[in-house]
Amino acid sequence: TSRDRGWRINGSIHVDVMTDQRVPRG
């Protein structure tokens, strides 16, 4: 998406996915 839209990213992309009971479902 960054290449598609020409977004500057400043470094490699890293994504952490976490579960959190405080986040509402959906």
mmCIF file of all heavy atoms, coordinates in Angstrom:
data_MODEL
# 
_entry.id   MODEL 
# 
loop_
_atom_site.group_PDB 
_atom_site.id 
_atom_site.type_symbol 
_atom_site.label_atom_id 
_atom_site.label_alt_id 
_atom_site.label_comp_id 
_atom_site.label_asym_id 
_atom_site.label_entity_id 
_atom_site.label_seq_id 
_atom_site.pdbx_PDB_ins_code 
_atom_site.Cartn_x 
_atom_site.Cartn_y 
_atom_site.Cartn_z 
_atom_site.occupancy 
_atom_site.B_iso_or_equiv 
_atom_site.pdbx_formal_charge 
_atom_site.auth_seq_id 
_atom_site.auth_comp_id 
_atom_site.auth_asym_id 
_atom_site.auth_atom_id 
_atom_site.pdbx_PDB_model_num 
ATOM 1   N N   . THR A 1 1  ? 0.826   -1.210  0.000  1.00 0.00 ? 1  THR A N   1 
ATOM 2   C CA  . THR A 1 1  ? 0.000   0.000   0.000  1.00 0.00 ? 1  THR A CA  1 
ATOM 3   C C   . THR A 1 1  ? 0.859   1.257   0.000  1.00 0.00 ? 1  THR A C   1 
ATOM 4   O O   . THR A 1 1  ? 0.534   2.252   -0.656 1.00 0.00 ? 1  THR A O   1 
ATOM 5   C CB  . THR A 1 1  ? -0.941  0.003   1.215  1.00 0.00 ? 1  THR A CB  1 
ATOM 6   O OG1 . THR A 1 1  ? -1.693  -1.205  1.226  1.00 0.00 ? 1  THR A OG1 1 
ATOM 7   C CG2 . THR A 1 1  ? -1.902  1.184   1.157  1.00 0.00 ? 1  THR A CG2 1 
ATOM 8   N N   . SER A 1 2  ? 1.978   1.219   0.711  1.00 0.00 ? 2  SER A N   1 
ATOM 9   C CA  . SER A 1 2  ? 2.876   2.376   0.759  1.00 0.00 ? 2  SER A CA  1 
ATOM 10  C C   . SER A 1 2  ? 3.447   2.674   -0.619 1.00 0.00 ? 2  SER A C   1 
ATOM 11  O O   . SER A 1 2  ? 3.535   3.836   -1.030 1.00 0.00 ? 2  SER A O   1 
ATOM 12  C CB  . SER A 1 2  ? 4.014   2.119   1.753  1.00 0.00 ? 2  SER A CB  1 
ATOM 13  O OG  . SER A 1 2  ? 3.514   1.936   3.053  1.00 0.00 ? 2  SER A OG  1 
ATOM 14  N N   . ARG A 1 3  ? 3.852   1.631   -1.343 1.00 0.00 ? 3  ARG A N   1 
ATOM 15  C CA  . ARG A 1 3  ? 4.336   1.835   -2.721 1.00 0.00 ? 3  ARG A CA  1 
ATOM 16  C C   . ARG A 1 3  ? 3.219   2.368   -3.596 1.00 0.00 ? 3  ARG A C   1 
ATOM 17  O O   . ARG A 1 3  ? 3.433   3.252   -4.436 1.00 0.00 ? 3  ARG A O   1 
ATOM 18  C CB  . ARG A 1 3  ? 4.872   0.519   -3.297 1.00 0.00 ? 3  ARG A CB  1 
ATOM 19  C CG  . ARG A 1 3  ? 6.151   0.038   -2.655 1.00 0.00 ? 3  ARG A CG  1 
ATOM 20  C CD  . ARG A 1 3  ? 6.822   -1.018  -3.515 1.00 0.00 ? 3  ARG A CD  1 
ATOM 21  N NE  . ARG A 1 3  ? 5.946   -2.150  -3.786 1.00 0.00 ? 3  ARG A NE  1 
ATOM 22  C CZ  . ARG A 1 3  ? 5.901   -3.238  -3.038 1.00 0.00 ? 3  ARG A CZ  1 
ATOM 23  N NH1 . ARG A 1 3  ? 6.664   -3.334  -1.962 1.00 0.00 ? 3  ARG A NH1 1 
ATOM 24  N NH2 . ARG A 1 3  ? 5.103   -4.237  -3.362 1.00 0.00 ? 3  ARG A NH2 1 
ATOM 25  N N   . ASP A 1 4  ? 2.027   1.822   -3.422 1.00 0.00 ? 4  ASP A N   1 
ATOM 26  C CA  . ASP A 1 4  ? 0.890   2.218   -4.247 1.00 0.00 ? 4  ASP A CA  1 
ATOM 27  C C   . ASP A 1 4  ? 0.558   3.694   -4.068 1.00 0.00 ? 4  ASP A C   1 
ATOM 28  O O   . ASP A 1 4  ? 0.290   4.406   -5.034 1.00 0.00 ? 4  ASP A O   1 
ATOM 29  C CB  . ASP A 1 4  ? -0.312  1.339   -3.886 1.00 0.00 ? 4  ASP A CB  1 
ATOM 30  C CG  . ASP A 1 4  ? -1.498  1.579   -4.784 1.00 0.00 ? 4  ASP A CG  1 
ATOM 31  O OD1 . ASP A 1 4  ? -1.387  1.314   -6.004 1.00 0.00 ? 4  ASP A OD1 1 
ATOM 32  O OD2 . ASP A 1 4  ? -2.552  2.028   -4.283 1.00 0.00 ? 4  ASP A OD2 1 
ATOM 33  N N   . ARG A 1 5  ? 0.610   4.157   -2.836 1.00 0.00 ? 5  ARG A N   1 
ATOM 34  C CA  . ARG A 1 5  ? 0.177   5.519   -2.529 1.00 0.00 ? 5  ARG A CA  1 
ATOM 35  C C   . ARG A 1 5  ? 1.330   6.516   -2.422 1.00 0.00 ? 5  ARG A C   1 
ATOM 36  O O   . ARG A 1 5  ? 1.093   7.710   -2.247 1.00 0.00 ? 5  ARG A O   1 
ATOM 37  C CB  . ARG A 1 5  ? -0.623  5.516   -1.228 1.00 0.00 ? 5  ARG A CB  1 
ATOM 38  C CG  . ARG A 1 5  ? -1.855  4.624   -1.293 1.00 0.00 ? 5  ARG A CG  1 
ATOM 39  C CD  . ARG A 1 5  ? -2.793  4.907   -0.172 1.00 0.00 ? 5  ARG A CD  1 
ATOM 40  N NE  . ARG A 1 5  ? -3.931  3.999   -0.188 1.00 0.00 ? 5  ARG A NE  1 
ATOM 41  C CZ  . ARG A 1 5  ? -4.945  4.061   0.662  1.00 0.00 ? 5  ARG A CZ  1 
ATOM 42  N NH1 . ARG A 1 5  ? -4.968  5.007   1.588  1.00 0.00 ? 5  ARG A NH1 1 
ATOM 43  N NH2 . ARG A 1 5  ? -5.939  3.207   0.584  1.00 0.00 ? 5  ARG A NH2 1 
ATOM 44  N N   . GLY A 1 6  ? 2.557   6.015   -2.490 1.00 0.00 ? 6  GLY A N   1 
ATOM 45  C CA  . GLY A 1 6  ? 3.692   6.915   -2.368 1.00 0.00 ? 6  GLY A CA  1 
ATOM 46  C C   . GLY A 1 6  ? 3.906   7.417   -0.958 1.00 0.00 ? 6  GLY A C   1 
ATOM 47  O O   . GLY A 1 6  ? 4.391   8.533   -0.752 1.00 0.00 ? 6  GLY A O   1 
ATOM 48  N N   . TRP A 1 7  ? 3.567   6.592   0.040  1.00 0.00 ? 7  TRP A N   1 
ATOM 49  C CA  . TRP A 1 7  ? 3.805   6.967   1.432  1.00 0.00 ? 7  TRP A CA  1 
ATOM 50  C C   . TRP A 1 7  ? 5.279   6.784   1.777  1.00 0.00 ? 7  TRP A C   1 
ATOM 51  O O   . TRP A 1 7  ? 5.879   5.758   1.461  1.00 0.00 ? 7  TRP A O   1 
ATOM 52  C CB  . TRP A 1 7  ? 3.000   6.085   2.375  1.00 0.00 ? 7  TRP A CB  1 
ATOM 53  C CG  . TRP A 1 7  ? 1.551   6.432   2.499  1.00 0.00 ? 7  TRP A CG  1 
ATOM 54  C CD1 . TRP A 1 7  ? 0.964   7.609   2.232  1.00 0.00 ? 7  TRP A CD1 1 
ATOM 55  C CD2 . TRP A 1 7  ? 0.504   5.547   2.946  1.00 0.00 ? 7  TRP A CD2 1 
ATOM 56  N NE1 . TRP A 1 7  ? -0.388  7.543   2.477  1.00 0.00 ? 7  TRP A NE1 1 
ATOM 57  C CE2 . TRP A 1 7  ? -0.692  6.294   2.909  1.00 0.00 ? 7  TRP A CE2 1 
ATOM 58  C CE3 . TRP A 1 7  ? 0.479   4.218   3.367  1.00 0.00 ? 7  TRP A CE3 1 
ATOM 59  C CZ2 . TRP A 1 7  ? -1.915  5.741   3.287  1.00 0.00 ? 7  TRP A CZ2 1 
ATOM 60  C CZ3 . TRP A 1 7  ? -0.740  3.672   3.736  1.00 0.00 ? 7  TRP A CZ3 1 
ATOM 61  C CH2 . TRP A 1 7  ? -1.922  4.432   3.702  1.00 0.00 ? 7  TRP A CH2 1 
ATOM 62  N N   . ARG A 1 8  ? 5.864   7.726   2.437  1.00 0.00 ? 8  ARG A N   1 
ATOM 63  C CA  . ARG A 1 8  ? 7.211   7.570   2.987  1.00 0.00 ? 8  ARG A CA  1 
ATOM 64  C C   . ARG A 1 8  ? 7.101   6.703   4.237  1.00 0.00 ? 8  ARG A C   1 
ATOM 65  O O   . ARG A 1 8  ? 6.175   6.884   5.045  1.00 0.00 ? 8  ARG A O   1 
ATOM 66  C CB  . ARG A 1 8  ? 7.824   8.931   3.306  1.00 0.00 ? 8  ARG A CB  1 
ATOM 67  C CG  . ARG A 1 8  ? 9.249   8.862   3.858  1.00 0.00 ? 8  ARG A CG  1 
ATOM 68  C CD  . ARG A 1 8  ? 9.773   10.269  4.108  1.00 0.00 ? 8  ARG A CD  1 
ATOM 69  N NE  . ARG A 1 8  ? 11.019  10.241  4.866  1.00 0.00 ? 8  ARG A NE  1 
ATOM 70  C CZ  . ARG A 1 8  ? 12.228  10.193  4.316  1.00 0.00 ? 8  ARG A CZ  1 
ATOM 71  N NH1 . ARG A 1 8  ? 12.356  10.163  3.002  1.00 0.00 ? 8  ARG A NH1 1 
ATOM 72  N NH2 . ARG A 1 8  ? 13.312  10.174  5.073  1.00 0.00 ? 8  ARG A NH2 1 
ATOM 73  N N   . ILE A 1 9  ? 8.066   5.773   4.431  1.00 0.00 ? 9  ILE A N   1 
ATOM 74  C CA  . ILE A 1 9  ? 7.981   4.860   5.569  1.00 0.00 ? 9  ILE A CA  1 
ATOM 75  C C   . ILE A 1 9  ? 9.197   4.933   6.499  1.00 0.00 ? 9  ILE A C   1 
ATOM 76  O O   . ILE A 1 9  ? 9.129   4.430   7.623  1.00 0.00 ? 9  ILE A O   1 
ATOM 77  C CB  . ILE A 1 9  ? 7.750   3.410   5.109  1.00 0.00 ? 9  ILE A CB  1 
ATOM 78  C CG1 . ILE A 1 9  ? 8.837   2.958   4.135  1.00 0.00 ? 9  ILE A CG1 1 
ATOM 79  C CG2 . ILE A 1 9  ? 6.371   3.272   4.475  1.00 0.00 ? 9  ILE A CG2 1 
ATOM 80  C CD1 . ILE A 1 9  ? 8.731   1.509   3.712  1.00 0.00 ? 9  ILE A CD1 1 
ATOM 81  N N   . ASN A 1 10 ? 10.322  5.512   6.039  1.00 0.00 ? 10 ASN A N   1 
ATOM 82  C CA  . ASN A 1 10 ? 11.495  5.780   6.883  1.00 0.00 ? 10 ASN A CA  1 
ATOM 83  C C   . ASN A 1 10 ? 12.264  4.537   7.339  1.00 0.00 ? 10 ASN A C   1 
ATOM 84  O O   . ASN A 1 10 ? 13.329  4.666   7.929  1.00 0.00 ? 10 ASN A O   1 
ATOM 85  C CB  . ASN A 1 10 ? 11.106  6.595   8.122  1.00 0.00 ? 10 ASN A CB  1 
ATOM 86  C CG  . ASN A 1 10 ? 10.682  7.998   7.763  1.00 0.00 ? 10 ASN A CG  1 
ATOM 87  O OD1 . ASN A 1 10 ? 11.466  8.790   7.277  1.00 0.00 ? 10 ASN A OD1 1 
ATOM 88  N ND2 . ASN A 1 10 ? 9.407   8.306   7.977  1.00 0.00 ? 10 ASN A ND2 1 
ATOM 89  N N   . GLY A 1 11 ? 11.772  3.357   7.100  1.00 0.00 ? 11 GLY A N   1 
ATOM 90  C CA  . GLY A 1 11 ? 12.442  2.126   7.516  1.00 0.00 ? 11 GLY A CA  1 
ATOM 91  C C   . GLY A 1 11 ? 11.549  0.942   7.229  1.00 0.00 ? 11 GLY A C   1 
ATOM 92  O O   . GLY A 1 11 ? 10.409  1.096   6.767  1.00 0.00 ? 11 GLY A O   1 
ATOM 93  N N   . SER A 1 12 ? 12.030  -0.252  7.510  1.00 0.00 ? 12 SER A N   1 
ATOM 94  C CA  . SER A 1 12 ? 11.256  -1.449  7.220  1.00 0.00 ? 12 SER A CA  1 
ATOM 95  C C   . SER A 1 12 ? 9.983   -1.490  8.068  1.00 0.00 ? 12 SER A C   1 
ATOM 96  O O   . SER A 1 12 ? 9.943   -0.993  9.197  1.00 0.00 ? 12 SER A O   1 
ATOM 97  C CB  . SER A 1 12 ? 12.090  -2.703  7.453  1.00 0.00 ? 12 SER A CB  1 
ATOM 98  O OG  . SER A 1 12 ? 12.538  -2.754  8.794  1.00 0.00 ? 12 SER A OG  1 
ATOM 99  N N   . ILE A 1 13 ? 8.937   -2.106  7.516  1.00 0.00 ? 13 ILE A N   1 
ATOM 100 C CA  . ILE A 1 13 ? 7.650   -2.216  8.196  1.00 0.00 ? 13 ILE A CA  1 
ATOM 101 C C   . ILE A 1 13 ? 7.654   -3.425  9.124  1.00 0.00 ? 13 ILE A C   1 
ATOM 102 O O   . ILE A 1 13 ? 8.077   -4.522  8.755  1.00 0.00 ? 13 ILE A O   1 
ATOM 103 C CB  . ILE A 1 13 ? 6.506   -2.371  7.174  1.00 0.00 ? 13 ILE A CB  1 
ATOM 104 C CG1 . ILE A 1 13 ? 6.455   -1.160  6.217  1.00 0.00 ? 13 ILE A CG1 1 
ATOM 105 C CG2 . ILE A 1 13 ? 5.166   -2.554  7.881  1.00 0.00 ? 13 ILE A CG2 1 
ATOM 106 C CD1 . ILE A 1 13 ? 6.011   0.114   6.848  1.00 0.00 ? 13 ILE A CD1 1 
ATOM 107 N N   . HIS A 1 14 ? 7.159   -3.224  10.350 1.00 0.00 ? 14 HIS A N   1 
ATOM 108 C CA  . HIS A 1 14 ? 6.980   -4.332  11.287 1.00 0.00 ? 14 HIS A CA  1 
ATOM 109 C C   . HIS A 1 14 ? 5.604   -4.195  11.927 1.00 0.00 ? 14 HIS A C   1 
ATOM 110 O O   . HIS A 1 14 ? 5.224   -3.102  12.361 1.00 0.00 ? 14 HIS A O   1 
ATOM 111 C CB  . HIS A 1 14 ? 8.056   -4.327  12.360 1.00 0.00 ? 14 HIS A CB  1 
ATOM 112 C CG  . HIS A 1 14 ? 7.950   -5.473  13.319 1.00 0.00 ? 14 HIS A CG  1 
ATOM 113 N ND1 . HIS A 1 14 ? 8.405   -6.738  13.014 1.00 0.00 ? 14 HIS A ND1 1 
ATOM 114 C CD2 . HIS A 1 14 ? 7.404   -5.548  14.562 1.00 0.00 ? 14 HIS A CD2 1 
ATOM 115 C CE1 . HIS A 1 14 ? 8.177   -7.541  14.019 1.00 0.00 ? 14 HIS A CE1 1 
ATOM 116 N NE2 . HIS A 1 14 ? 7.560   -6.853  14.980 1.00 0.00 ? 14 HIS A NE2 1 
ATOM 117 N N   . VAL A 1 15 ? 4.856   -5.286  11.967 1.00 0.00 ? 15 VAL A N   1 
ATOM 118 C CA  . VAL A 1 15 ? 3.505   -5.284  12.543 1.00 0.00 ? 15 VAL A CA  1 
ATOM 119 C C   . VAL A 1 15 ? 3.422   -6.341  13.634 1.00 0.00 ? 15 VAL A C   1 
ATOM 120 O O   . VAL A 1 15 ? 3.693   -7.525  13.387 1.00 0.00 ? 15 VAL A O   1 
ATOM 121 C CB  . VAL A 1 15 ? 2.425   -5.554  11.477 1.00 0.00 ? 15 VAL A CB  1 
ATOM 122 C CG1 . VAL A 1 15 ? 1.036   -5.548  12.115 1.00 0.00 ? 15 VAL A CG1 1 
ATOM 123 C CG2 . VAL A 1 15 ? 2.495   -4.519  10.359 1.00 0.00 ? 15 VAL A CG2 1 
ATOM 124 N N   . ASP A 1 16 ? 3.063   -5.926  14.843 1.00 0.00 ? 16 ASP A N   1 
ATOM 125 C CA  . ASP A 1 16 ? 2.764   -6.841  15.950 1.00 0.00 ? 16 ASP A CA  1 
ATOM 126 C C   . ASP A 1 16 ? 1.250   -6.950  16.094 1.00 0.00 ? 16 ASP A C   1 
ATOM 127 O O   . ASP A 1 16 ? 0.559   -5.924  16.159 1.00 0.00 ? 16 ASP A O   1 
ATOM 128 C CB  . ASP A 1 16 ? 3.348   -6.326  17.266 1.00 0.00 ? 16 ASP A CB  1 
ATOM 129 C CG  . ASP A 1 16 ? 4.833   -6.575  17.381 1.00 0.00 ? 16 ASP A CG  1 
ATOM 130 O OD1 . ASP A 1 16 ? 5.288   -7.665  16.987 1.00 0.00 ? 16 ASP A OD1 1 
ATOM 131 O OD2 . ASP A 1 16 ? 5.545   -5.679  17.862 1.00 0.00 ? 16 ASP A OD2 1 
ATOM 132 N N   . VAL A 1 17 ? 0.742   -8.174  16.149 1.00 0.00 ? 17 VAL A N   1 
ATOM 133 C CA  . VAL A 1 17 ? -0.687  -8.400  16.359 1.00 0.00 ? 17 VAL A CA  1 
ATOM 134 C C   . VAL A 1 17 ? -0.884  -8.932  17.772 1.00 0.00 ? 17 VAL A C   1 
ATOM 135 O O   . VAL A 1 17 ? -0.247  -9.921  18.161 1.00 0.00 ? 17 VAL A O   1 
ATOM 136 C CB  . VAL A 1 17 ? -1.259  -9.396  15.332 1.00 0.00 ? 17 VAL A CB  1 
ATOM 137 C CG1 . VAL A 1 17 ? -2.769  -9.567  15.551 1.00 0.00 ? 17 VAL A CG1 1 
ATOM 138 C CG2 . VAL A 1 17 ? -0.981  -8.925  13.914 1.00 0.00 ? 17 VAL A CG2 1 
ATOM 139 N N   . MET A 1 18 ? -1.743  -8.272  18.544 1.00 0.00 ? 18 MET A N   1 
ATOM 140 C CA  . MET A 1 18 ? -1.977  -8.656  19.935 1.00 0.00 ? 18 MET A CA  1 
ATOM 141 C C   . MET A 1 18 ? -3.471  -8.765  20.203 1.00 0.00 ? 18 MET A C   1 
ATOM 142 O O   . MET A 1 18 ? -4.280  -8.053  19.599 1.00 0.00 ? 18 MET A O   1 
ATOM 143 C CB  . MET A 1 18 ? -1.388  -7.611  20.888 1.00 0.00 ? 18 MET A CB  1 
ATOM 144 C CG  . MET A 1 18 ? 0.090   -7.380  20.743 1.00 0.00 ? 18 MET A CG  1 
ATOM 145 S SD  . MET A 1 18 ? 0.670   -6.121  21.908 1.00 0.00 ? 18 MET A SD  1 
ATOM 146 C CE  . MET A 1 18 ? 2.422   -6.092  21.528 1.00 0.00 ? 18 MET A CE  1 
ATOM 147 N N   . THR A 1 19 ? -3.826  -9.670  21.111 1.00 0.00 ? 19 THR A N   1 
ATOM 148 C CA  . THR A 1 19 ? -5.204  -9.723  21.597 1.00 0.00 ? 19 THR A CA  1 
ATOM 149 C C   . THR A 1 19 ? -5.295  -8.929  22.895 1.00 0.00 ? 19 THR A C   1 
ATOM 150 O O   . THR A 1 19 ? -4.353  -8.901  23.697 1.00 0.00 ? 19 THR A O   1 
ATOM 151 C CB  . THR A 1 19 ? -5.648  -11.175 21.841 1.00 0.00 ? 19 THR A CB  1 
ATOM 152 O OG1 . THR A 1 19 ? -4.757  -11.798 22.774 1.00 0.00 ? 19 THR A OG1 1 
ATOM 153 C CG2 . THR A 1 19 ? -5.639  -11.965 20.535 1.00 0.00 ? 19 THR A CG2 1 
ATOM 154 N N   . ASP A 1 20 ? -6.424  -8.277  23.062 1.00 0.00 ? 20 ASP A N   1 
ATOM 155 C CA  . ASP A 1 20 ? -6.624  -7.419  24.229 1.00 0.00 ? 20 ASP A CA  1 
ATOM 156 C C   . ASP A 1 20 ? -8.100  -7.474  24.603 1.00 0.00 ? 20 ASP A C   1 
ATOM 157 O O   . ASP A 1 20 ? -8.969  -7.082  23.812 1.00 0.00 ? 20 ASP A O   1 
ATOM 158 C CB  . ASP A 1 20 ? -6.201  -5.985  23.891 1.00 0.00 ? 20 ASP A CB  1 
ATOM 159 C CG  . ASP A 1 20 ? -6.159  -5.066  25.105 1.00 0.00 ? 20 ASP A CG  1 
ATOM 160 O OD1 . ASP A 1 20 ? -6.899  -5.330  26.072 1.00 0.00 ? 20 ASP A OD1 1 
ATOM 161 O OD2 . ASP A 1 20 ? -5.399  -4.081  25.079 1.00 0.00 ? 20 ASP A OD2 1 
ATOM 162 N N   . GLN A 1 21 ? -8.374  -7.961  25.802 1.00 0.00 ? 21 GLN A N   1 
ATOM 163 C CA  . GLN A 1 21 ? -9.760  -8.085  26.262 1.00 0.00 ? 21 GLN A CA  1 
ATOM 164 C C   . GLN A 1 21 ? -10.467 -6.742  26.331 1.00 0.00 ? 21 GLN A C   1 
ATOM 165 O O   . GLN A 1 21 ? -11.697 -6.679  26.274 1.00 0.00 ? 21 GLN A O   1 
ATOM 166 C CB  . GLN A 1 21 ? -9.793  -8.750  27.652 1.00 0.00 ? 21 GLN A CB  1 
ATOM 167 C CG  . GLN A 1 21 ? -9.343  -10.201 27.676 1.00 0.00 ? 21 GLN A CG  1 
ATOM 168 C CD  . GLN A 1 21 ? -10.415 -11.145 27.168 1.00 0.00 ? 21 GLN A CD  1 
ATOM 169 O OE1 . GLN A 1 21 ? -11.489 -10.724 26.750 1.00 0.00 ? 21 GLN A OE1 1 
ATOM 170 N NE2 . GLN A 1 21 ? -10.119 -12.447 27.202 1.00 0.00 ? 21 GLN A NE2 1 
ATOM 171 N N   . ARG A 1 22 ? -9.696  -5.650  26.412 1.00 0.00 ? 22 ARG A N   1 
ATOM 172 C CA  . ARG A 1 22 ? -10.317 -4.323  26.527 1.00 0.00 ? 22 ARG A CA  1 
ATOM 173 C C   . ARG A 1 22 ? -10.827 -3.801  25.193 1.00 0.00 ? 22 ARG A C   1 
ATOM 174 O O   . ARG A 1 22 ? -11.601 -2.838  25.158 1.00 0.00 ? 22 ARG A O   1 
ATOM 175 C CB  . ARG A 1 22 ? -9.312  -3.336  27.110 1.00 0.00 ? 22 ARG A CB  1 
ATOM 176 C CG  . ARG A 1 22 ? -8.880  -3.657  28.548 1.00 0.00 ? 22 ARG A CG  1 
ATOM 177 C CD  . ARG A 1 22 ? -7.694  -2.821  28.956 1.00 0.00 ? 22 ARG A CD  1 
ATOM 178 N NE  . ARG A 1 22 ? -6.515  -3.129  28.138 1.00 0.00 ? 22 ARG A NE  1 
ATOM 179 C CZ  . ARG A 1 22 ? -5.342  -2.523  28.270 1.00 0.00 ? 22 ARG A CZ  1 
ATOM 180 N NH1 . ARG A 1 22 ? -5.192  -1.576  29.189 1.00 0.00 ? 22 ARG A NH1 1 
ATOM 181 N NH2 . ARG A 1 22 ? -4.328  -2.854  27.498 1.00 0.00 ? 22 ARG A NH2 1 
ATOM 182 N N   . VAL A 1 23 ? -10.398 -4.419  24.090 1.00 0.00 ? 23 VAL A N   1 
ATOM 183 C CA  . VAL A 1 23 ? -10.854 -3.977  22.769 1.00 0.00 ? 23 VAL A CA  1 
ATOM 184 C C   . VAL A 1 23 ? -12.217 -4.602  22.489 1.00 0.00 ? 23 VAL A C   1 
ATOM 185 O O   . VAL A 1 23 ? -12.361 -5.829  22.569 1.00 0.00 ? 23 VAL A O   1 
ATOM 186 C CB  . VAL A 1 23 ? -9.851  -4.382  21.676 1.00 0.00 ? 23 VAL A CB  1 
ATOM 187 C CG1 . VAL A 1 23 ? -10.356 -3.956  20.298 1.00 0.00 ? 23 VAL A CG1 1 
ATOM 188 C CG2 . VAL A 1 23 ? -8.481  -3.776  21.962 1.00 0.00 ? 23 VAL A CG2 1 
ATOM 189 N N   . PRO A 1 24 ? -13.224 -3.793  22.181 1.00 0.00 ? 24 PRO A N   1 
ATOM 190 C CA  . PRO A 1 24 ? -14.550 -4.354  21.904 1.00 0.00 ? 24 PRO A CA  1 
ATOM 191 C C   . PRO A 1 24 ? -14.521 -5.311  20.713 1.00 0.00 ? 24 PRO A C   1 
ATOM 192 O O   . PRO A 1 24 ? -13.736 -5.145  19.781 1.00 0.00 ? 24 PRO A O   1 
ATOM 193 C CB  . PRO A 1 24 ? -15.402 -3.117  21.592 1.00 0.00 ? 24 PRO A CB  1 
ATOM 194 C CG  . PRO A 1 24 ? -14.670 -1.974  22.201 1.00 0.00 ? 24 PRO A CG  1 
ATOM 195 C CD  . PRO A 1 24 ? -13.221 -2.328  22.103 1.00 0.00 ? 24 PRO A CD  1 
ATOM 196 N N   . ARG A 1 25 ? -15.371 -6.290  20.749 1.00 0.00 ? 25 ARG A N   1 
ATOM 197 C CA  . ARG A 1 25 ? -15.469 -7.234  19.645 1.00 0.00 ? 25 ARG A CA  1 
ATOM 198 C C   . ARG A 1 25 ? -15.893 -6.493  18.376 1.00 0.00 ? 25 ARG A C   1 
ATOM 199 O O   . ARG A 1 25 ? -16.743 -5.617  18.393 1.00 0.00 ? 25 ARG A O   1 
ATOM 200 C CB  . ARG A 1 25 ? -16.491 -8.328  19.968 1.00 0.00 ? 25 ARG A CB  1 
ATOM 201 C CG  . ARG A 1 25 ? -16.459 -9.483  18.994 1.00 0.00 ? 25 ARG A CG  1 
ATOM 202 C CD  . ARG A 1 25 ? -17.276 -10.645 19.482 1.00 0.00 ? 25 ARG A CD  1 
ATOM 203 N NE  . ARG A 1 25 ? -17.145 -11.770 18.570 1.00 0.00 ? 25 ARG A NE  1 
ATOM 204 C CZ  . ARG A 1 25 ? -17.738 -12.936 18.742 1.00 0.00 ? 25 ARG A CZ  1 
ATOM 205 N NH1 . ARG A 1 25 ? -18.520 -13.129 19.819 1.00 0.00 ? 25 ARG A NH1 1 
ATOM 206 N NH2 . ARG A 1 25 ? -17.578 -13.908 17.876 1.00 0.00 ? 25 ARG A NH2 1 
ATOM 207 N N   . GLY A 1 26 ? -15.240 -6.843  17.258 1.00 0.00 ? 26 GLY A N   1 
ATOM 208 C CA  . GLY A 1 26 ? -15.546 -6.202  15.983 1.00 0.00 ? 26 GLY A CA  1 
ATOM 209 C C   . GLY A 1 26 ? -14.762 -4.932  15.735 1.00 0.00 ? 26 GLY A C   1 
ATOM 210 O O   . GLY A 1 26 ? -14.930 -4.294  14.697 1.00 0.00 ? 26 GLY A O   1 
# 
